Amino acid sequence: MPGSESRLKKIANASLGLLIPVGFIILLFLFAVTIRGMVWASDKALPWLVAAGWIAIAICLFVLSPLCIFRKTRPWAGIGFAYASLVFGLELWAYSCLFVVYKWGYVGLGIGLLFAGVGVVPMAFVAAILHAEWSALLEIVLGLCLTFGTRYLGMRLTEIRPEEELLPEE
């Protein structure tokens, strides 16, 4: 039955030829639903993240900064600064996500997400410059400084320096 094999092969090739475009359409649909969900979640979470950011700033200033004075408590302050940087980073990402959607729509957000999700903040930065939204640009730059400044400070405070290993315990 050589004829039936060739018919079966033709049917398999045709169905495979249909599966690839259908799979691509399904992936695009899932990507669109994911983007829409991220915008919805960012919109709902941003007020809470702003409040958490202000609380984190207060904790950094009034609790963690005094802990930096004493050598024994510096690593604990460093851990606190590292956690605060996560709050600042999440707030910055949610703000950038909403700003990009507001200025450039879902296409701009999709392009930003193609860069491993991190590209949303640079896309917001560029959108703020090109649309002359200077207050938004200032908020993005301040968010970047808070995020990476506290993260760097946290890393510096938690690292063990060779000169500290040699010092006697108090």
C-alpha atoms as a PDB file:
ATOM      1  CA  MET A   1       0.000   0.000   0.000  1.00  0.00           C
ATOM      2  CA  PRO A   2       2.469   2.655  -1.094  1.00  0.00           C
ATOM      3  CA  GLY A   3      -0.324   5.050  -2.049  1.00  0.00           C
ATOM      4  CA  SER A   4      -1.777   5.165   1.455  1.00  0.00           C
ATOM      5  CA  GLU A   5       1.611   6.066   2.947  1.00  0.00           C
ATOM      6  CA  SER A   6       1.994   9.000   0.645  1.00  0.00           C
ATOM      7  CA  ARG A   7      -1.570  10.176   1.434  1.00  0.00           C
ATOM      8  CA  LEU A   8      -0.877   9.836   5.147  1.00  0.00           C
ATOM      9  CA  LYS A   9       2.362  11.752   4.728  1.00  0.00           C
ATOM     10  CA  LYS A  10       0.552  14.504   2.810  1.00  0.00           C
ATOM     11  CA  ILE A  11      -2.098  14.773   5.524  1.00  0.00           C
ATOM     12  CA  ALA A  12       0.587  14.911   8.233  1.00  0.00           C
ATOM     13  CA  ASN A  13       2.533  17.604   6.382  1.00  0.00           C
ATOM     14  CA  ALA A  14      -0.618  19.634   5.780  1.00  0.00           C
ATOM     15  CA  SER A  15      -1.663  19.405   9.421  1.00  0.00           C
ATOM     16  CA  LEU A  16       1.859  20.348  10.517  1.00  0.00           C
ATOM     17  CA  GLY A  17       1.698  23.272   8.122  1.00  0.00           C
ATOM     18  CA  LEU A  18      -1.497  24.402   9.861  1.00  0.00           C
ATOM     19  CA  LEU A  19      -0.203  23.830  13.383  1.00  0.00           C
ATOM     20  CA  ILE A  20       2.698  26.250  13.045  1.00  0.00           C
ATOM     21  CA  PRO A  21       0.562  29.331  12.208  1.00  0.00           C
ATOM     22  CA  VAL A  22      -2.090  28.323  14.748  1.00  0.00           C
ATOM     23  CA  GLY A  23       0.594  27.898  17.412  1.00  0.00           C
ATOM     24  CA  PHE A  24       2.022  31.302  16.529  1.00  0.00           C
ATOM     25  CA  ILE A  25      -1.431  32.891  16.840  1.00  0.00           C
ATOM     26  CA  ILE A  26      -1.938  31.198  20.209  1.00  0.00           C
ATOM     27  CA  LEU A  27       1.444  32.501  21.427  1.00  0.00           C
ATOM     28  CA  LEU A  28       0.567  36.031  20.299  1.00  0.00           C
ATOM     29  CA  PHE A  29      -2.761  35.763  22.101  1.00  0.00           C
ATOM     30  CA  LEU A  30      -1.059  34.600  25.308  1.00  0.00           C
ATOM     31  CA  PHE A  31       1.490  37.410  25.015  1.00  0.00           C
ATOM     32  CA  ALA A  32      -1.321  39.966  24.601  1.00  0.00           C
ATOM     33  CA  VAL A  33      -3.225  38.564  27.588  1.00  0.00           C
ATOM     34  CA  THR A  34      -0.036  38.625  29.664  1.00  0.00           C
ATOM     35  CA  ILE A  35       0.690  42.248  28.748  1.00  0.00           C
ATOM     36  CA  ARG A  36      -2.871  43.259  29.494  1.00  0.00           C
ATOM     37  CA  GLY A  37      -2.684  41.484  32.853  1.00  0.00           C
ATOM     38  CA  MET A  38       0.588  43.198  33.741  1.00  0.00           C
ATOM     39  CA  VAL A  39      -0.893  46.604  33.002  1.00  0.00           C
ATOM     40  CA  TRP A  40      -3.959  45.792  35.089  1.00  0.00           C
ATOM     41  CA  ALA A  41      -1.804  44.516  37.978  1.00  0.00           C
ATOM     42  CA  SER A  42       0.501  47.533  37.774  1.00  0.00           C
ATOM     43  CA  ASP A  43      -2.483  49.869  37.810  1.00  0.00           C
ATOM     44  CA  LYS A  44      -3.962  48.192  40.877  1.00  0.00           C
ATOM     45  CA  ALA A  45      -0.651  47.770  42.735  1.00  0.00           C
ATOM     46  CA  LEU A  46       0.974  51.154  42.077  1.00  0.00           C
ATOM     47  CA  PRO A  47      -0.824  53.068  44.862  1.00  0.00           C
ATOM     48  CA  TRP A  48       0.182  50.353  47.326  1.00  0.00           C
ATOM     49  CA  LEU A  49       3.742  50.332  45.988  1.00  0.00           C
ATOM     50  CA  VAL A  50       4.004  54.109  46.354  1.00  0.00           C
ATOM     51  CA  ALA A  51       2.916  53.815  49.994  1.00  0.00           C
ATOM     52  CA  ALA A  52       5.370  50.956  50.523  1.00  0.00           C
ATOM     53  CA  GLY A  53       8.100  53.067  48.907  1.00  0.00           C
ATOM     54  CA  TRP A  54       7.514  55.934  51.317  1.00  0.00           C
ATOM     55  CA  ILE A  55       7.550  53.518  54.255  1.00  0.00           C
ATOM     56  CA  ALA A  56      10.798  51.998  52.927  1.00  0.00           C
ATOM     57  CA  ILE A  57      12.366  55.458  52.642  1.00  0.00           C
ATOM     58  CA  ALA A  58      11.393  56.224  56.241  1.00  0.00           C
ATOM     59  CA  ILE A  59      12.815  52.898  57.438  1.00  0.00           C
ATOM     60  CA  CYS A  60      16.027  53.488  55.486  1.00  0.00           C
ATOM     61  CA  LEU A  61      16.470  56.952  56.956  1.00  0.00           C
ATOM     62  CA  PHE A  62      15.391  56.427  60.553  1.00  0.00           C
ATOM     63  CA  VAL A  63      16.172  52.761  61.255  1.00  0.00           C
ATOM     64  CA  LEU A  64      18.796  51.453  58.848  1.00  0.00           C
ATOM     65  CA  SER A  65      21.005  54.539  58.623  1.00  0.00           C
ATOM     66  CA  PRO A  66      21.679  54.611  62.401  1.00  0.00           C
ATOM     67  CA  LEU A  67      22.480  50.880  62.238  1.00  0.00           C
ATOM     68  CA  CYS A  68      25.334  51.724  59.860  1.00  0.00           C
ATOM     69  CA  ILE A  69      27.199  53.479  62.659  1.00  0.00           C
ATOM     70  CA  PHE A  70      28.100  50.303  64.548  1.00  0.00           C
ATOM     71  CA  ARG A  71      30.246  47.648  62.920  1.00  0.00           C
ATOM     72  CA  LYS A  72      28.250  44.732  64.317  1.00  0.00           C
ATOM     73  CA  THR A  73      24.926  45.998  62.994  1.00  0.00           C
ATOM     74  CA  ARG A  74      26.127  47.016  59.510  1.00  0.00           C
ATOM     75  CA  PRO A  75      25.280  43.662  57.891  1.00  0.00           C
ATOM     76  CA  TRP A  76      21.727  43.893  59.224  1.00  0.00           C
ATOM     77  CA  ALA A  77      21.416  47.387  57.788  1.00  0.00           C
ATOM     78  CA  GLY A  78      22.776  46.071  54.496  1.00  0.00           C
ATOM     79  CA  ILE A  79      20.114  43.375  54.361  1.00  0.00           C
ATOM     80  CA  GLY A  80      17.458  45.998  55.067  1.00  0.00           C
ATOM     81  CA  PHE A  81      18.776  48.261  52.309  1.00  0.00           C
ATOM     82  CA  ALA A  82      18.773  45.309  49.888  1.00  0.00           C
ATOM     83  CA  TYR A  83      15.112  44.575  50.645  1.00  0.00           C
ATOM     84  CA  ALA A  84      14.252  48.267  50.319  1.00  0.00           C
ATOM     85  CA  SER A  85      15.859  48.284  46.877  1.00  0.00           C
ATOM     86  CA  LEU A  86      13.448  45.534  45.821  1.00  0.00           C
ATOM     87  CA  VAL A  87      10.482  47.681  46.861  1.00  0.00           C
ATOM     88  CA  PHE A  88      11.900  50.675  44.974  1.00  0.00           C
ATOM     89  CA  GLY A  89      12.608  48.557  41.899  1.00  0.00           C
ATOM     90  CA  LEU A  90       9.123  47.067  41.803  1.00  0.00           C
ATOM     91  CA  GLU A  91       7.574  50.501  42.188  1.00  0.00           C
ATOM     92  CA  LEU A  92       9.765  51.857  39.381  1.00  0.00           C
ATOM     93  CA  TRP A  93       8.867  48.946  37.105  1.00  0.00           C
ATOM     94  CA  ALA A  94       5.119  49.338  37.687  1.00  0.00           C
ATOM     95  CA  TYR A  95       5.307  53.100  37.110  1.00  0.00           C
ATOM     96  CA  SER A  96       7.354  52.616  33.941  1.00  0.00           C
ATOM     97  CA  CYS A  97       4.931  49.980  32.681  1.00  0.00           C
ATOM     98  CA  LEU A  98       1.964  52.314  33.037  1.00  0.00           C
ATOM     99  CA  PHE A  99       3.849  55.291  31.600  1.00  0.00           C
ATOM    100  CA  VAL A 100       4.895  53.376  28.485  1.00  0.00           C
ATOM    101  CA  VAL A 101       1.338  52.147  27.917  1.00  0.00           C
ATOM    102  CA  TYR A 102       0.025  55.684  28.394  1.00  0.00           C
ATOM    103  CA  LYS A 103       2.486  57.208  25.913  1.00  0.00           C
ATOM    104  CA  TRP A 104       3.169  54.443  23.379  1.00  0.00           C
ATOM    105  CA  GLY A 105       0.472  51.870  23.951  1.00  0.00           C
ATOM    106  CA  TYR A 106       0.794  48.129  24.201  1.00  0.00           C
ATOM    107  CA  VAL A 107       3.231  47.954  21.277  1.00  0.00           C
ATOM    108  CA  GLY A 108       5.805  50.017  23.167  1.00  0.00           C
ATOM    109  CA  LEU A 109       5.298  47.901  26.262  1.00  0.00           C
ATOM    110  CA  GLY A 110       5.650  44.720  24.222  1.00  0.00           C
ATOM    111  CA  ILE A 111       8.927  45.955  22.755  1.00  0.00           C
ATOM    112  CA  GLY A 112      10.164  46.790  26.248  1.00  0.00           C
ATOM    113  CA  LEU A 113       9.173  43.360  27.534  1.00  0.00           C
ATOM    114  CA  LEU A 114      11.106  41.654  24.752  1.00  0.00           C
ATOM    115  CA  PHE A 115      14.270  42.816  26.524  1.00  0.00           C
ATOM    116  CA  ALA A 116      13.717  40.326  29.387  1.00  0.00           C
ATOM    117  CA  GLY A 117      11.198  42.614  31.083  1.00  0.00           C
ATOM    118  CA  VAL A 118      13.927  45.030  32.122  1.00  0.00           C
ATOM    119  CA  GLY A 119      13.494  47.085  28.968  1.00  0.00           C
ATOM    120  CA  VAL A 120      10.286  48.639  30.277  1.00  0.00           C
ATOM    121  CA  VAL A 121      12.234  51.170  32.368  1.00  0.00           C
ATOM    122  CA  PRO A 122      14.509  52.278  29.488  1.00  0.00           C
ATOM    123  CA  MET A 123      11.438  52.500  27.236  1.00  0.00           C
ATOM    124  CA  ALA A 124       9.764  54.774  29.794  1.00  0.00           C
ATOM    125  CA  PHE A 125      12.963  56.830  29.986  1.00  0.00           C
ATOM    126  CA  VAL A 126      13.027  57.302  26.200  1.00  0.00           C
ATOM    127  CA  ALA A 127       9.279  57.982  26.056  1.00  0.00           C
ATOM    128  CA  ALA A 128       9.625  60.665  28.736  1.00  0.00           C
ATOM    129  CA  ILE A 129      12.429  62.346  26.804  1.00  0.00           C
ATOM    130  CA  LEU A 130      10.713  62.182  23.409  1.00  0.00           C
ATOM    131  CA  HIS A 131       7.396  63.469  24.803  1.00  0.00           C
ATOM    132  CA  ALA A 132       9.123  66.121  26.958  1.00  0.00           C
ATOM    133  CA  GLU A 133       7.561  64.757  30.162  1.00  0.00           C
ATOM    134  CA  TRP A 134      10.248  66.137  32.454  1.00  0.00           C
ATOM    135  CA  SER A 135       8.481  65.363  35.720  1.00  0.00           C
ATOM    136  CA  ALA A 136       8.089  61.718  34.657  1.00  0.00           C
ATOM    137  CA  LEU A 137      11.746  61.642  33.615  1.00  0.00           C
ATOM    138  CA  LEU A 138      12.724  62.980  37.042  1.00  0.00           C
ATOM    139  CA  GLU A 139      10.626  60.304  38.758  1.00  0.00           C
ATOM    140  CA  ILE A 140      12.245  57.574  36.658  1.00  0.00           C
ATOM    141  CA  VAL A 141      15.755  58.862  37.376  1.00  0.00           C
ATOM    142  CA  LEU A 142      15.000  59.163  41.099  1.00  0.00           C
ATOM    143  CA  GLY A 143      13.548  55.653  41.073  1.00  0.00           C
ATOM    144  CA  LEU A 144      16.708  54.339  39.398  1.00  0.00           C
ATOM    145  CA  CYS A 145      18.903  56.145  41.942  1.00  0.00           C
ATOM    146  CA  LEU A 146      16.873  54.801  44.866  1.00  0.00           C
ATOM    147  CA  THR A 147      16.809  51.266  43.482  1.00  0.00           C
ATOM    148  CA  PHE A 148      20.454  50.909  42.577  1.00  0.00           C
ATOM    149  CA  GLY A 149      21.770  53.203  45.315  1.00  0.00           C
ATOM    150  CA  THR A 150      20.190  51.201  48.120  1.00  0.00           C
ATOM    151  CA  ARG A 151      21.132  47.931  46.405  1.00  0.00           C
ATOM    152  CA  TYR A 152      24.772  49.018  46.156  1.00  0.00           C
ATOM    153  CA  LEU A 153      24.767  50.250  49.742  1.00  0.00           C
ATOM    154  CA  GLY A 154      23.260  46.973  50.896  1.00  0.00           C
ATOM    155  CA  MET A 155      25.940  44.987  49.057  1.00  0.00           C
ATOM    156  CA  ARG A 156      28.736  47.135  50.498  1.00  0.00           C
ATOM    157  CA  LEU A 157      27.442  46.838  54.036  1.00  0.00           C
ATOM    158  CA  THR A 158      27.056  43.060  53.921  1.00  0.00           C
ATOM    159  CA  GLU A 159      30.422  42.230  52.380  1.00  0.00           C
ATOM    160  CA  ILE A 160      33.150  40.984  54.690  1.00  0.00           C
ATOM    161  CA  ARG A 161      36.348  42.954  54.428  1.00  0.00           C
ATOM    162  CA  PRO A 162      39.692  41.300  55.177  1.00  0.00           C
ATOM    163  CA  GLU A 163      40.640  43.987  57.700  1.00  0.00           C
ATOM    164  CA  GLU A 164      37.472  43.239  59.691  1.00  0.00           C
ATOM    165  CA  GLU A 165      38.302  39.524  59.873  1.00  0.00           C
ATOM    166  CA  LEU A 166      41.595  40.309  61.589  1.00  0.00           C
ATOM    167  CA  LEU A 167      40.130  42.617  64.204  1.00  0.00           C
ATOM    168  CA  PRO A 168      39.475  41.070  67.647  1.00  0.00           C
ATOM    169  CA  GLU A 169      35.922  40.629  68.854  1.00  0.00           C
ATOM    170  CA  GLU A 170      34.666  43.296  71.234  1.00  0.00           C
END
